[in-house]
Amino acid sequence: MPDLVTVMVEHQPDGTLNAEFMGEGSLPPDSGGYPDMDALVNAVERTVLDLYRSSPSQTPVPMGFQYAWYPWGDDTKALKIPGGPAEFLLFEIRQSIGGYEVWLPTDPAISTVSPRLADLPSAIGNKAFERWPALVGRTIPGMLHWNRELTAAGFRDIPLSGPS
């Protein structure tokens, strides 16, 4: 079994999402056609649990599991806009009571919560536009990252320091 599995979330022209698995060792097959991030995560977690729980060991060892989600595309020119961010923005996600938190570790004041994963890009995007008004009308140069761990009991978020 791999020590770390990365799920690259890809946006398709028809508006659906695909999951591409990366890592060494036995990986689930790539899949797609998900209407939103919540559906993708639910399907991926079922597939991953089925694959690794059916392994000969029957109990997965703790395994790193991360999502890399680029909801805004790839506008590298946005980093050169006067008054915009100087670096690529790596927003962190963690599950919380009633939903999800997302924040920018380099500026924890840029944070928000949402009951659904699917709503995080627009919610944190609004915070980014408040911080960098020069980005309004452009794509945000960043991604959403979610670190999890697969244990014998199932998935859990890896503890990270969050917004203050």
N, C-alpha and C. Protein backbone atom coordinates (compact mmCIF):
# COMPACT_ATOMS: atom_id res chain seq x y z
N MET A 1 0.84 -1.18 0.00
CA MET A 1 0.00 0.00 0.00
C MET A 1 0.89 1.24 0.00
N PRO A 2 0.42 2.29 -0.63
CA PRO A 2 1.23 3.52 -0.67
C PRO A 2 1.26 4.21 0.69
N ASP A 3 2.30 5.00 0.93
CA ASP A 3 2.37 5.83 2.13
C ASP A 3 1.55 7.09 1.97
N LEU A 4 1.43 7.55 0.72
CA LEU A 4 0.72 8.79 0.42
C LEU A 4 -0.02 8.65 -0.90
N VAL A 5 -1.27 9.04 -0.91
CA VAL A 5 -2.07 9.07 -2.13
C VAL A 5 -2.51 10.52 -2.32
N THR A 6 -2.29 11.03 -3.52
CA THR A 6 -2.75 12.37 -3.87
C THR A 6 -3.90 12.22 -4.86
N VAL A 7 -4.97 12.94 -4.59
CA VAL A 7 -6.10 12.98 -5.52
C VAL A 7 -6.07 14.34 -6.19
N MET A 8 -5.71 14.35 -7.47
CA MET A 8 -5.76 15.58 -8.26
C MET A 8 -7.19 15.74 -8.75
N VAL A 9 -7.80 16.83 -8.38
CA VAL A 9 -9.18 17.10 -8.79
C VAL A 9 -9.13 17.96 -10.04
N GLU A 10 -9.69 17.44 -11.12
CA GLU A 10 -9.65 18.12 -12.41
C GLU A 10 -11.04 18.56 -12.81
N HIS A 11 -11.15 19.81 -13.23
CA HIS A 11 -12.41 20.34 -13.74
C HIS A 11 -12.51 20.03 -15.23
N GLN A 12 -13.67 19.54 -15.64
CA GLN A 12 -13.91 19.17 -17.03
C GLN A 12 -14.72 20.26 -17.73
N PRO A 13 -14.63 20.35 -19.06
CA PRO A 13 -15.39 21.38 -19.79
C PRO A 13 -16.90 21.32 -19.55
N ASP A 14 -17.43 20.13 -19.24
CA ASP A 14 -18.88 20.02 -19.01
C ASP A 14 -19.28 20.41 -17.59
N GLY A 15 -18.32 20.86 -16.77
CA GLY A 15 -18.61 21.30 -15.41
C GLY A 15 -18.45 20.21 -14.36
N THR A 16 -18.19 18.99 -14.77
CA THR A 16 -18.01 17.91 -13.80
C THR A 16 -16.56 17.87 -13.32
N LEU A 17 -16.34 17.04 -12.31
CA LEU A 17 -15.00 16.88 -11.74
C LEU A 17 -14.52 15.45 -11.93
N ASN A 18 -13.23 15.30 -12.15
CA ASN A 18 -12.58 14.00 -12.22
C ASN A 18 -11.59 13.87 -11.07
N ALA A 19 -11.34 12.64 -10.65
CA ALA A 19 -10.35 12.34 -9.62
C ALA A 19 -9.24 11.50 -10.25
N GLU A 20 -8.02 12.02 -10.21
CA GLU A 20 -6.85 11.29 -10.71
C GLU A 20 -5.98 10.95 -9.50
N PHE A 21 -5.68 9.68 -9.31
CA PHE A 21 -4.92 9.22 -8.15
C PHE A 21 -3.43 9.13 -8.51
N MET A 22 -2.61 9.64 -7.59
CA MET A 22 -1.17 9.60 -7.80
C MET A 22 -0.51 9.05 -6.54
N GLY A 23 0.50 8.23 -6.73
CA GLY A 23 1.24 7.65 -5.61
C GLY A 23 1.91 6.38 -6.09
N GLU A 24 2.63 5.75 -5.18
CA GLU A 24 3.29 4.50 -5.51
C GLU A 24 2.54 3.36 -4.85
N GLY A 25 2.47 2.23 -5.54
CA GLY A 25 1.76 1.08 -4.99
C GLY A 25 0.38 0.96 -5.61
N SER A 26 -0.47 0.22 -4.95
CA SER A 26 -1.81 -0.05 -5.44
C SER A 26 -2.68 1.19 -5.26
N LEU A 27 -3.25 1.67 -6.36
CA LEU A 27 -4.09 2.87 -6.34
C LEU A 27 -5.46 2.56 -6.94
N PRO A 28 -6.47 3.27 -6.49
CA PRO A 28 -7.79 3.11 -7.12
C PRO A 28 -7.73 3.60 -8.56
N PRO A 29 -8.66 3.15 -9.39
CA PRO A 29 -8.69 3.68 -10.76
C PRO A 29 -9.18 5.12 -10.76
N ASP A 30 -8.67 5.92 -11.69
CA ASP A 30 -9.17 7.28 -11.85
C ASP A 30 -10.66 7.21 -12.17
N SER A 31 -11.38 8.24 -11.77
CA SER A 31 -12.82 8.24 -12.01
C SER A 31 -13.28 9.66 -12.28
N GLY A 32 -14.50 9.80 -12.78
CA GLY A 32 -14.96 11.14 -13.10
C GLY A 32 -16.46 11.22 -13.24
N GLY A 33 -16.89 12.43 -13.66
CA GLY A 33 -18.29 12.70 -13.86
C GLY A 33 -19.01 13.16 -12.61
N TYR A 34 -18.28 13.62 -11.62
CA TYR A 34 -18.90 14.05 -10.36
C TYR A 34 -19.45 15.46 -10.51
N PRO A 35 -20.67 15.71 -10.01
CA PRO A 35 -21.26 17.04 -10.18
C PRO A 35 -20.61 18.12 -9.33
N ASP A 36 -20.01 17.72 -8.20
CA ASP A 36 -19.36 18.71 -7.34
C ASP A 36 -18.34 18.00 -6.44
N MET A 37 -17.62 18.78 -5.64
CA MET A 37 -16.56 18.24 -4.80
C MET A 37 -17.10 17.32 -3.71
N ASP A 38 -18.28 17.61 -3.19
CA ASP A 38 -18.85 16.75 -2.16
C ASP A 38 -19.10 15.34 -2.71
N ALA A 39 -19.66 15.25 -3.91
CA ALA A 39 -19.92 13.96 -4.54
C ALA A 39 -18.61 13.24 -4.85
N LEU A 40 -17.61 13.98 -5.31
CA LEU A 40 -16.31 13.38 -5.62
C LEU A 40 -15.70 12.78 -4.36
N VAL A 41 -15.67 13.53 -3.26
CA VAL A 41 -15.06 13.04 -2.02
C VAL A 41 -15.81 11.81 -1.50
N ASN A 42 -17.13 11.84 -1.52
CA ASN A 42 -17.91 10.68 -1.06
C ASN A 42 -17.58 9.43 -1.88
N ALA A 43 -17.53 9.57 -3.19
CA ALA A 43 -17.23 8.43 -4.06
C ALA A 43 -15.80 7.96 -3.88
N VAL A 44 -14.87 8.89 -3.81
CA VAL A 44 -13.46 8.52 -3.65
C VAL A 44 -13.26 7.79 -2.33
N GLU A 45 -13.86 8.28 -1.25
CA GLU A 45 -13.67 7.64 0.05
C GLU A 45 -14.25 6.23 0.06
N ARG A 46 -15.41 6.02 -0.56
CA ARG A 46 -15.97 4.67 -0.65
C ARG A 46 -15.04 3.75 -1.43
N THR A 47 -14.54 4.25 -2.57
CA THR A 47 -13.65 3.45 -3.40
C THR A 47 -12.36 3.11 -2.66
N VAL A 48 -11.79 4.09 -1.99
CA VAL A 48 -10.53 3.89 -1.27
C VAL A 48 -10.74 2.90 -0.12
N LEU A 49 -11.81 3.05 0.63
CA LEU A 49 -12.07 2.12 1.74
C LEU A 49 -12.27 0.71 1.22
N ASP A 50 -13.00 0.56 0.14
CA ASP A 50 -13.21 -0.78 -0.44
C ASP A 50 -11.88 -1.38 -0.88
N LEU A 51 -11.04 -0.60 -1.55
CA LEU A 51 -9.77 -1.11 -2.06
C LEU A 51 -8.84 -1.52 -0.92
N TYR A 52 -8.63 -0.64 0.03
CA TYR A 52 -7.63 -0.92 1.05
C TYR A 52 -8.14 -1.83 2.15
N ARG A 53 -9.42 -1.84 2.41
CA ARG A 53 -9.94 -2.79 3.40
C ARG A 53 -10.01 -4.20 2.85
N SER A 54 -10.01 -4.35 1.54
CA SER A 54 -10.01 -5.68 0.95
C SER A 54 -8.59 -6.20 0.74
N SER A 55 -7.60 -5.42 1.16
CA SER A 55 -6.20 -5.85 1.01
C SER A 55 -5.93 -6.99 1.98
N PRO A 56 -4.91 -7.78 1.73
CA PRO A 56 -4.61 -8.93 2.59
C PRO A 56 -4.43 -8.56 4.07
N SER A 57 -3.96 -7.39 4.35
CA SER A 57 -3.75 -7.02 5.76
C SER A 57 -5.08 -6.72 6.46
N GLN A 58 -6.17 -6.49 5.72
CA GLN A 58 -7.50 -6.19 6.23
C GLN A 58 -7.61 -4.87 6.97
N THR A 59 -6.51 -4.36 7.45
CA THR A 59 -6.53 -3.09 8.18
C THR A 59 -5.47 -2.19 7.59
N PRO A 60 -5.88 -1.09 6.99
CA PRO A 60 -4.86 -0.22 6.42
C PRO A 60 -4.01 0.43 7.51
N VAL A 61 -2.74 0.50 7.25
CA VAL A 61 -1.87 1.25 8.15
C VAL A 61 -2.18 2.72 7.93
N PRO A 62 -1.89 3.59 8.88
CA PRO A 62 -2.15 5.00 8.59
C PRO A 62 -1.46 5.40 7.27
N MET A 63 -2.24 5.99 6.41
CA MET A 63 -1.78 6.37 5.08
C MET A 63 -2.14 7.83 4.84
N GLY A 64 -1.18 8.62 4.38
CA GLY A 64 -1.47 10.00 4.03
C GLY A 64 -2.36 10.04 2.80
N PHE A 65 -3.30 10.94 2.81
CA PHE A 65 -4.26 11.05 1.73
C PHE A 65 -4.56 12.53 1.56
N GLN A 66 -4.27 13.08 0.38
CA GLN A 66 -4.47 14.51 0.20
C GLN A 66 -5.20 14.81 -1.09
N TYR A 67 -5.98 15.87 -1.03
CA TYR A 67 -6.67 16.37 -2.22
C TYR A 67 -5.96 17.63 -2.68
N ALA A 68 -5.73 17.73 -3.96
CA ALA A 68 -5.18 18.94 -4.59
C ALA A 68 -6.23 19.42 -5.59
N TRP A 69 -6.84 20.53 -5.27
CA TRP A 69 -8.00 21.02 -6.02
C TRP A 69 -7.69 22.41 -6.54
N TYR A 70 -7.74 22.57 -7.85
CA TYR A 70 -7.46 23.84 -8.52
C TYR A 70 -8.76 24.39 -9.12
N PRO A 71 -9.63 24.96 -8.30
CA PRO A 71 -10.94 25.37 -8.81
C PRO A 71 -10.92 26.61 -9.69
N TRP A 72 -9.83 27.37 -9.70
CA TRP A 72 -9.82 28.64 -10.42
C TRP A 72 -9.01 28.60 -11.71
N GLY A 73 -8.53 27.47 -12.10
CA GLY A 73 -7.74 27.40 -13.32
C GLY A 73 -6.29 27.73 -13.05
N ASP A 74 -5.59 28.13 -14.08
CA ASP A 74 -4.15 28.33 -13.99
C ASP A 74 -3.77 29.67 -14.60
N ASP A 75 -4.07 30.75 -13.92
CA ASP A 75 -3.77 32.09 -14.41
C ASP A 75 -2.50 32.60 -13.72
N THR A 76 -1.35 32.20 -14.23
CA THR A 76 -0.09 32.63 -13.61
C THR A 76 0.15 34.12 -13.79
N LYS A 77 -0.49 34.74 -14.77
CA LYS A 77 -0.33 36.18 -14.96
C LYS A 77 -0.92 36.97 -13.80
N ALA A 78 -1.87 36.36 -13.07
CA ALA A 78 -2.48 37.05 -11.93
C ALA A 78 -1.46 37.36 -10.85
N LEU A 79 -0.37 36.61 -10.82
CA LEU A 79 0.68 36.87 -9.82
C LEU A 79 1.49 38.12 -10.16
N LYS A 80 1.34 38.63 -11.35
CA LYS A 80 2.12 39.81 -11.78
C LYS A 80 1.29 41.09 -11.74
N ILE A 81 0.05 41.00 -11.30
CA ILE A 81 -0.82 42.17 -11.25
C ILE A 81 -0.39 43.07 -10.09
N PRO A 82 -0.17 44.35 -10.34
CA PRO A 82 0.12 45.25 -9.21
C PRO A 82 -1.04 45.23 -8.21
N GLY A 83 -0.72 45.07 -6.95
CA GLY A 83 -1.74 45.00 -5.91
C GLY A 83 -2.31 43.62 -5.72
N GLY A 84 -1.80 42.63 -6.44
CA GLY A 84 -2.25 41.25 -6.28
C GLY A 84 -1.30 40.48 -5.39
N PRO A 85 -1.57 39.21 -5.16
CA PRO A 85 -0.69 38.41 -4.32
C PRO A 85 0.67 38.21 -5.00
N ALA A 86 1.70 38.13 -4.19
CA ALA A 86 3.06 37.96 -4.72
C ALA A 86 3.40 36.50 -4.95
N GLU A 87 2.61 35.59 -4.37
CA GLU A 87 2.91 34.17 -4.51
C GLU A 87 1.62 33.37 -4.70
N PHE A 88 1.80 32.16 -5.20
CA PHE A 88 0.70 31.23 -5.39
C PHE A 88 0.04 30.97 -4.04
N LEU A 89 -1.28 31.00 -3.98
CA LEU A 89 -2.02 30.88 -2.72
C LEU A 89 -2.42 29.43 -2.47
N LEU A 90 -1.93 28.87 -1.38
CA LEU A 90 -2.22 27.50 -1.01
C LEU A 90 -3.15 27.51 0.19
N PHE A 91 -4.45 27.37 -0.08
CA PHE A 91 -5.46 27.37 0.96
C PHE A 91 -5.59 25.97 1.55
N GLU A 92 -5.72 25.88 2.86
CA GLU A 92 -5.87 24.60 3.56
C GLU A 92 -7.33 24.40 3.95
N ILE A 93 -7.77 23.15 3.88
CA ILE A 93 -9.12 22.77 4.26
C ILE A 93 -9.03 21.83 5.46
N ARG A 94 -10.01 21.92 6.33
CA ARG A 94 -10.20 20.88 7.34
C ARG A 94 -11.69 20.79 7.64
N GLN A 95 -12.08 19.57 7.99
CA GLN A 95 -13.47 19.34 8.33
C GLN A 95 -13.72 19.90 9.72
N SER A 96 -14.88 20.50 9.91
CA SER A 96 -15.24 21.03 11.22
C SER A 96 -16.69 20.67 11.50
N ILE A 97 -17.15 20.97 12.68
CA ILE A 97 -18.54 20.67 13.02
C ILE A 97 -19.45 21.42 12.05
N GLY A 98 -20.27 20.68 11.36
CA GLY A 98 -21.23 21.29 10.45
C GLY A 98 -20.67 21.69 9.10
N GLY A 99 -19.45 21.31 8.78
CA GLY A 99 -18.93 21.66 7.47
C GLY A 99 -17.42 21.65 7.38
N TYR A 100 -16.90 22.70 6.73
CA TYR A 100 -15.48 22.75 6.41
C TYR A 100 -14.95 24.17 6.65
N GLU A 101 -13.72 24.24 7.10
CA GLU A 101 -13.01 25.50 7.24
C GLU A 101 -11.97 25.57 6.14
N VAL A 102 -11.70 26.75 5.66
CA VAL A 102 -10.63 26.95 4.69
C VAL A 102 -9.92 28.24 5.08
N TRP A 103 -8.59 28.22 4.99
CA TRP A 103 -7.81 29.40 5.36
C TRP A 103 -6.50 29.42 4.59
N LEU A 104 -5.89 30.57 4.58
CA LEU A 104 -4.59 30.77 3.96
C LEU A 104 -3.54 30.81 5.08
N PRO A 105 -2.70 29.78 5.21
CA PRO A 105 -1.75 29.74 6.32
C PRO A 105 -0.82 30.96 6.41
N THR A 106 -0.48 31.57 5.29
CA THR A 106 0.39 32.74 5.32
C THR A 106 -0.35 33.99 5.77
N ASP A 107 -1.69 33.94 5.80
CA ASP A 107 -2.51 35.05 6.28
C ASP A 107 -3.81 34.46 6.81
N PRO A 108 -3.79 33.90 8.04
CA PRO A 108 -4.96 33.21 8.58
C PRO A 108 -6.22 34.07 8.68
N ALA A 109 -6.08 35.39 8.56
CA ALA A 109 -7.28 36.24 8.55
C ALA A 109 -8.12 35.98 7.30
N ILE A 110 -7.50 35.44 6.27
CA ILE A 110 -8.23 35.08 5.06
C ILE A 110 -8.73 33.66 5.27
N SER A 111 -9.93 33.56 5.83
CA SER A 111 -10.51 32.26 6.17
C SER A 111 -12.02 32.36 6.12
N THR A 112 -12.65 31.20 6.02
CA THR A 112 -14.11 31.15 6.04
C THR A 112 -14.54 29.72 6.33
N VAL A 113 -15.82 29.53 6.52
CA VAL A 113 -16.40 28.20 6.74
C VAL A 113 -17.56 28.02 5.78
N SER A 114 -17.87 26.77 5.52
CA SER A 114 -18.98 26.45 4.63
C SER A 114 -19.50 25.06 4.98
N PRO A 115 -20.79 24.83 4.87
CA PRO A 115 -21.31 23.49 5.14
C PRO A 115 -20.95 22.48 4.04
N ARG A 116 -20.58 22.97 2.86
CA ARG A 116 -20.27 22.06 1.74
C ARG A 116 -18.91 22.38 1.14
N LEU A 117 -18.20 21.36 0.73
CA LEU A 117 -16.93 21.55 0.03
C LEU A 117 -17.14 22.34 -1.26
N ALA A 118 -18.23 22.04 -1.95
CA ALA A 118 -18.49 22.68 -3.24
C ALA A 118 -18.56 24.20 -3.14
N ASP A 119 -18.91 24.72 -1.96
CA ASP A 119 -19.05 26.17 -1.79
C ASP A 119 -17.76 26.87 -1.36
N LEU A 120 -16.72 26.11 -1.06
CA LEU A 120 -15.48 26.72 -0.57
C LEU A 120 -14.80 27.66 -1.58
N PRO A 121 -14.71 27.30 -2.87
CA PRO A 121 -14.02 28.22 -3.79
C PRO A 121 -14.63 29.61 -3.84
N SER A 122 -15.95 29.70 -3.91
CA SER A 122 -16.55 31.04 -3.98
C SER A 122 -16.44 31.75 -2.63
N ALA A 123 -16.59 31.01 -1.54
CA ALA A 123 -16.52 31.63 -0.21
C ALA A 123 -15.12 32.18 0.07
N ILE A 124 -14.09 31.40 -0.19
CA ILE A 124 -12.73 31.89 0.07
C ILE A 124 -12.31 32.85 -1.03
N GLY A 125 -12.86 32.68 -2.23
CA GLY A 125 -12.58 33.63 -3.31
C GLY A 125 -13.03 35.03 -2.95
N ASN A 126 -14.19 35.14 -2.32
CA ASN A 126 -14.67 36.46 -1.89
C ASN A 126 -13.71 37.10 -0.90
N LYS A 127 -13.16 36.30 0.01
CA LYS A 127 -12.17 36.81 0.98
C LYS A 127 -10.89 37.25 0.26
N ALA A 128 -10.48 36.49 -0.74
CA ALA A 128 -9.28 36.85 -1.50
C ALA A 128 -9.50 38.15 -2.27
N PHE A 129 -10.70 38.32 -2.83
CA PHE A 129 -11.00 39.56 -3.55
C PHE A 129 -11.03 40.76 -2.61
N GLU A 130 -11.48 40.56 -1.38
CA GLU A 130 -11.44 41.65 -0.39
C GLU A 130 -9.99 42.03 -0.10
N ARG A 131 -9.13 41.04 0.04
CA ARG A 131 -7.71 41.28 0.36
C ARG A 131 -6.96 41.85 -0.83
N TRP A 132 -7.25 41.34 -2.03
CA TRP A 132 -6.57 41.77 -3.26
C TRP A 132 -7.61 42.20 -4.29
N PRO A 133 -8.15 43.41 -4.18
CA PRO A 133 -9.18 43.87 -5.12
C PRO A 133 -8.71 43.81 -6.58
N ALA A 134 -7.41 43.85 -6.81
CA ALA A 134 -6.90 43.78 -8.18
C ALA A 134 -7.23 42.45 -8.86
N LEU A 135 -7.58 41.43 -8.08
CA LEU A 135 -7.94 40.12 -8.65
C LEU A 135 -9.37 40.05 -9.16
N VAL A 136 -10.21 40.99 -8.77
CA VAL A 136 -11.62 40.96 -9.19
C VAL A 136 -11.67 40.91 -10.72
N GLY A 137 -12.43 39.95 -11.22
CA GLY A 137 -12.54 39.78 -12.68
C GLY A 137 -11.51 38.82 -13.24
N ARG A 138 -10.61 38.34 -12.40
CA ARG A 138 -9.57 37.37 -12.83
C ARG A 138 -9.76 36.09 -12.04
N THR A 139 -8.96 35.10 -12.38
CA THR A 139 -8.97 33.89 -11.57
C THR A 139 -7.97 34.05 -10.44
N ILE A 140 -8.21 33.35 -9.37
CA ILE A 140 -7.34 33.42 -8.20
C ILE A 140 -6.16 32.48 -8.44
N PRO A 141 -4.93 32.97 -8.28
CA PRO A 141 -3.77 32.10 -8.49
C PRO A 141 -3.54 31.23 -7.26
N GLY A 142 -4.27 30.14 -7.18
CA GLY A 142 -4.14 29.30 -6.00
C GLY A 142 -4.87 27.99 -6.12
N MET A 143 -4.80 27.23 -5.05
CA MET A 143 -5.43 25.92 -4.98
C MET A 143 -5.95 25.67 -3.57
N LEU A 144 -6.81 24.68 -3.45
CA LEU A 144 -7.30 24.22 -2.16
C LEU A 144 -6.65 22.87 -1.88
N HIS A 145 -6.13 22.71 -0.68
CA HIS A 145 -5.39 21.51 -0.29
C HIS A 145 -6.02 20.94 0.98
N TRP A 146 -6.21 19.62 1.00
CA TRP A 146 -6.84 18.99 2.15
C TRP A 146 -6.04 17.76 2.52
N ASN A 147 -5.38 17.77 3.68
CA ASN A 147 -4.60 16.65 4.19
C ASN A 147 -5.46 15.77 5.07
N ARG A 148 -5.51 14.50 4.74
CA ARG A 148 -6.27 13.54 5.53
C ARG A 148 -5.40 12.33 5.80
N GLU A 149 -5.89 11.46 6.63
CA GLU A 149 -5.19 10.22 6.93
C GLU A 149 -6.21 9.09 6.95
N LEU A 150 -5.86 8.00 6.30
CA LEU A 150 -6.70 6.81 6.31
C LEU A 150 -6.16 5.90 7.40
N THR A 151 -7.01 5.56 8.37
CA THR A 151 -6.63 4.66 9.47
C THR A 151 -7.59 3.48 9.46
N ALA A 152 -7.40 2.57 10.38
CA ALA A 152 -8.29 1.42 10.49
C ALA A 152 -9.72 1.86 10.78
N ALA A 153 -9.88 3.01 11.41
CA ALA A 153 -11.22 3.51 11.74
C ALA A 153 -11.85 4.31 10.60
N GLY A 154 -11.10 4.62 9.56
CA GLY A 154 -11.60 5.42 8.45
C GLY A 154 -10.76 6.67 8.25
N PHE A 155 -11.35 7.67 7.61
CA PHE A 155 -10.62 8.90 7.32
C PHE A 155 -10.72 9.89 8.48
N ARG A 156 -9.64 10.63 8.68
CA ARG A 156 -9.64 11.75 9.62
C ARG A 156 -8.73 12.81 9.07
N ASP A 157 -9.00 14.05 9.44
CA ASP A 157 -8.12 15.14 9.03
C ASP A 157 -6.83 15.08 9.82
N ILE A 158 -5.75 15.41 9.18
CA ILE A 158 -4.47 15.52 9.87
C ILE A 158 -4.47 16.86 10.59
N PRO A 159 -4.21 16.85 11.89
CA PRO A 159 -4.25 18.12 12.62
C PRO A 159 -3.24 19.12 12.06
N LEU A 160 -3.73 20.30 11.77
CA LEU A 160 -2.91 21.40 11.30
C LEU A 160 -3.28 22.63 12.13
N SER A 161 -2.39 23.57 12.20
CA SER A 161 -2.78 24.81 12.84
C SER A 161 -3.71 25.53 11.87
N GLY A 162 -4.77 26.08 12.37
CA GLY A 162 -5.76 26.70 11.52
C GLY A 162 -5.85 28.20 11.73
N PRO A 163 -6.94 28.77 11.27
CA PRO A 163 -7.09 30.22 11.40
C PRO A 163 -7.19 30.61 12.87
N SER A 164 -6.69 31.79 13.17
CA SER A 164 -6.75 32.23 14.56
C SER A 164 -7.98 33.03 14.83
